[in-house]
C-alpha atoms as a PDB file:
ATOM      1  CA  UNK A   1      85.172  91.912 108.678  1.00  0.00           C
ATOM      2  CA  UNK A   2      84.558  89.429 106.228  1.00  0.00           C
ATOM      3  CA  UNK A   3      86.009  89.415 103.000  1.00  0.00           C
ATOM      4  CA  UNK A   4      82.511  89.073 101.587  1.00  0.00           C
ATOM      5  CA  UNK A   5      81.667  92.381 103.330  1.00  0.00           C
ATOM      6  CA  UNK A   6      85.318  94.214 102.156  1.00  0.00           C
ATOM      7  CA  UNK A   7      84.158  93.075  98.056  1.00  0.00           C
ATOM      8  CA  UNK A   8      80.539  94.787  98.460  1.00  0.00           C
ATOM      9  CA  UNK A   9      81.894  97.658 100.137  1.00  0.00           C
ATOM     10  CA  UNK A  10      84.598  97.804  96.857  1.00  0.00           C
ATOM     11  CA  UNK A  11      82.022  97.133  94.505  1.00  0.00           C
ATOM     12  CA  UNK A  12      84.867  94.558  93.503  1.00  0.00           C
ATOM     13  CA  UNK A  13      85.039  92.031  91.051  1.00  0.00           C
ATOM     14  CA  UNK A  14      86.343  88.365  92.180  1.00  0.00           C
ATOM     15  CA  UNK A  15      89.015  87.569  89.642  1.00  0.00           C
ATOM     16  CA  UNK A  16      89.894  83.862  90.917  1.00  0.00           C
ATOM     17  CA  UNK A  17      86.864  82.176  91.152  1.00  0.00           C
ATOM     18  CA  UNK A  18      85.664  81.822  94.725  1.00  0.00           C
ATOM     19  CA  UNK A  19      82.409  81.553  95.681  1.00  0.00           C
ATOM     20  CA  UNK A  20      80.404  84.015  98.166  1.00  0.00           C
ATOM     21  CA  UNK A  21      80.273  81.598 100.390  1.00  0.00           C
ATOM     22  CA  UNK A  22      84.032  80.981 100.728  1.00  0.00           C
ATOM     23  CA  UNK A  23      84.639  84.738 100.922  1.00  0.00           C
ATOM     24  CA  UNK A  24      82.603  84.903 103.880  1.00  0.00           C
ATOM     25  CA  UNK A  25      84.105  82.452 105.677  1.00  0.00           C
ATOM     26  CA  UNK A  26      87.581  84.884 105.303  1.00  0.00           C
ATOM     27  CA  UNK A  27      87.729  87.193 107.968  1.00  0.00           C
ATOM     28  CA  UNK A  28      90.127  90.081 107.395  1.00  0.00           C
ATOM     29  CA  UNK A  29      92.151  91.718 110.374  1.00  0.00           C
ATOM     30  CA  UNK A  30      93.514  94.381 108.372  1.00  0.00           C
ATOM     31  CA  UNK A  31      94.230  95.837 104.862  1.00  0.00           C
ATOM     32  CA  UNK A  32      97.389  97.619 103.455  1.00  0.00           C
ATOM     33  CA  UNK A  33      97.539  99.784 100.499  1.00  0.00           C
ATOM     34  CA  UNK A  34     100.804 100.060  98.661  1.00  0.00           C
ATOM     35  CA  UNK A  35     102.228  99.934  95.217  1.00  0.00           C
ATOM     36  CA  UNK A  36     105.623  99.493  96.896  1.00  0.00           C
ATOM     37  CA  UNK A  37     106.260  96.181  97.941  1.00  0.00           C
ATOM     38  CA  UNK A  38     108.913  96.800 100.270  1.00  0.00           C
ATOM     39  CA  UNK A  39     106.855  98.786 102.442  1.00  0.00           C
ATOM     40  CA  UNK A  40     104.602  95.709 102.424  1.00  0.00           C
ATOM     41  CA  UNK A  41     107.479  93.014 103.835  1.00  0.00           C
ATOM     42  CA  UNK A  42     108.064  95.982 106.219  1.00  0.00           C
ATOM     43  CA  UNK A  43     104.978  96.958 107.500  1.00  0.00           C
ATOM     44  CA  UNK A  44     102.070  94.098 106.951  1.00  0.00           C
ATOM     45  CA  UNK A  45     101.774  92.186 110.694  1.00  0.00           C
ATOM     46  CA  UNK A  46      98.303  90.923 110.082  1.00  0.00           C
ATOM     47  CA  UNK A  47      96.528  88.382 107.891  1.00  0.00           C
ATOM     48  CA  UNK A  48      94.705  90.996 105.519  1.00  0.00           C
ATOM     49  CA  UNK A  49      94.205  92.166 102.321  1.00  0.00           C
ATOM     50  CA  UNK A  50      96.684  93.944  99.981  1.00  0.00           C
ATOM     51  CA  UNK A  51      95.069  96.783  97.785  1.00  0.00           C
ATOM     52  CA  UNK A  52      97.437  97.790  94.938  1.00  0.00           C
ATOM     53  CA  UNK A  53      97.934  99.237  91.380  1.00  0.00           C
ATOM     54  CA  UNK A  54     100.826  97.153  91.007  1.00  0.00           C
ATOM     55  CA  UNK A  55      99.885  94.306  88.651  1.00  0.00           C
ATOM     56  CA  UNK A  56     102.742  91.796  88.404  1.00  0.00           C
ATOM     57  CA  UNK A  57     104.041  88.273  89.908  1.00  0.00           C
ATOM     58  CA  UNK A  58     105.611  89.872  92.791  1.00  0.00           C
ATOM     59  CA  UNK A  59     102.636  91.072  94.492  1.00  0.00           C
ATOM     60  CA  UNK A  60     101.524  87.487  94.505  1.00  0.00           C
ATOM     61  CA  UNK A  61     105.079  86.085  95.663  1.00  0.00           C
ATOM     62  CA  UNK A  62     105.028  89.271  98.525  1.00  0.00           C
ATOM     63  CA  UNK A  63     101.115  88.312  99.923  1.00  0.00           C
ATOM     64  CA  UNK A  64     102.088  84.592  99.973  1.00  0.00           C
ATOM     65  CA  UNK A  65     105.278  85.502 102.032  1.00  0.00           C
ATOM     66  CA  UNK A  66     103.045  87.998 104.215  1.00  0.00           C
ATOM     67  CA  UNK A  67     100.189  85.511 105.153  1.00  0.00           C
ATOM     68  CA  UNK A  68      98.130  87.670 103.097  1.00  0.00           C
ATOM     69  CA  UNK A  69      94.669  86.345 102.226  1.00  0.00           C
ATOM     70  CA  UNK A  70      93.318  88.441  99.196  1.00  0.00           C
ATOM     71  CA  UNK A  71      94.881  91.266  96.839  1.00  0.00           C
ATOM     72  CA  UNK A  72      92.571  93.985  95.523  1.00  0.00           C
ATOM     73  CA  UNK A  73      93.961  95.644  92.591  1.00  0.00           C
ATOM     74  CA  UNK A  74      93.021  99.375  92.301  1.00  0.00           C
ATOM     75  CA  UNK A  75      91.747 101.564  89.440  1.00  0.00           C
ATOM     76  CA  UNK A  76      90.163  98.711  87.583  1.00  0.00           C
ATOM     77  CA  UNK A  77      93.603  97.142  86.826  1.00  0.00           C
ATOM     78  CA  UNK A  78      93.513  93.733  86.272  1.00  0.00           C
ATOM     79  CA  UNK A  79      96.510  91.008  86.015  1.00  0.00           C
ATOM     80  CA  UNK A  80      97.087  88.648  83.330  1.00  0.00           C
ATOM     81  CA  UNK A  81      96.413  85.121  83.563  1.00  0.00           C
ATOM     82  CA  UNK A  82      99.428  84.281  84.515  1.00  0.00           C
ATOM     83  CA  UNK A  83      99.697  86.127  87.294  1.00  0.00           C
ATOM     84  CA  UNK A  84      95.594  84.885  87.992  1.00  0.00           C
ATOM     85  CA  UNK A  85      97.068  81.240  87.898  1.00  0.00           C
ATOM     86  CA  UNK A  86      99.978  82.263  90.245  1.00  0.00           C
ATOM     87  CA  UNK A  87      97.361  83.255  92.779  1.00  0.00           C
ATOM     88  CA  UNK A  88      95.180  80.181  92.602  1.00  0.00           C
ATOM     89  CA  UNK A  89      98.456  77.720  92.673  1.00  0.00           C
ATOM     90  CA  UNK A  90      98.938  79.773  96.282  1.00  0.00           C
ATOM     91  CA  UNK A  91      95.166  79.636  97.119  1.00  0.00           C
ATOM     92  CA  UNK A  92      95.452  83.804  97.018  1.00  0.00           C
ATOM     93  CA  UNK A  93      91.984  85.608  95.895  1.00  0.00           C
ATOM     94  CA  UNK A  94      92.672  88.384  93.478  1.00  0.00           C
ATOM     95  CA  UNK A  95      89.903  90.874  93.099  1.00  0.00           C
ATOM     96  CA  UNK A  96      89.872  94.236  91.065  1.00  0.00           C
ATOM     97  CA  UNK A  97      88.001  97.421  91.923  1.00  0.00           C
ATOM     98  CA  UNK A  98      87.482 100.764  90.197  1.00  0.00           C
ATOM     99  CA  UNK A  99      88.220 102.879  93.182  1.00  0.00           C
ATOM    100  CA  UNK A 100      91.214 104.535  93.546  1.00  0.00           C
ATOM    101  CA  UNK A 101      93.935 103.416  96.270  1.00  0.00           C
ATOM    102  CA  UNK A 102      93.163 106.029  98.830  1.00  0.00           C
ATOM    103  CA  UNK A 103      89.565 105.929  98.211  1.00  0.00           C
ATOM    104  CA  UNK A 104      89.315 102.151  98.593  1.00  0.00           C
ATOM    105  CA  UNK A 105      91.506 102.155 101.428  1.00  0.00           C
ATOM    106  CA  UNK A 106      89.322 105.026 103.096  1.00  0.00           C
ATOM    107  CA  UNK A 107      86.042 103.168 102.054  1.00  0.00           C
ATOM    108  CA  UNK A 108      87.424 100.018 104.323  1.00  0.00           C
ATOM    109  CA  UNK A 109      88.388 102.183 107.272  1.00  0.00           C
ATOM    110  CA  UNK A 110      85.071 103.842 107.021  1.00  0.00           C
ATOM    111  CA  UNK A 111      83.250 100.635 107.459  1.00  0.00           C
ATOM    112  CA  UNK A 112      85.409  99.228 110.117  1.00  0.00           C
ATOM    113  CA  UNK A 113      88.335  98.014 108.880  1.00  0.00           C
ATOM    114  CA  UNK A 114      91.177  98.523 111.161  1.00  0.00           C
ATOM    115  CA  UNK A 115      94.362  96.985 112.151  1.00  0.00           C
ATOM    116  CA  UNK A 116      94.132  94.952 115.664  1.00  0.00           C
ATOM    117  CA  UNK A 117      96.594  95.242 118.322  1.00  0.00           C
ATOM    118  CA  UNK A 118      97.838  98.322 116.737  1.00  0.00           C
END
């Protein structure tokens, strides 16, 4: 699924200033919903999007380590400017949606974003 499609499904706002064209060039292979970064480190295997309600620098650092290309903050949470700058430096796309974590993951799954190779 293209990241631009995931953005539309979640009715998400892009926080890192990426253009719709750039979003359409990124192919998501999976998504992971978690507020526990230790779970992300243990279970994420494919390039994808991290959905989380946790808003701190460790989210960006974890995403970078796990080759995650986008982070979507749920429940309308927005990171501080410092976190946005950190994500920009690491070429990570940040989005935010008003959806709760469970609903956001369900919407992506319902629209075909499944983990390939599992």
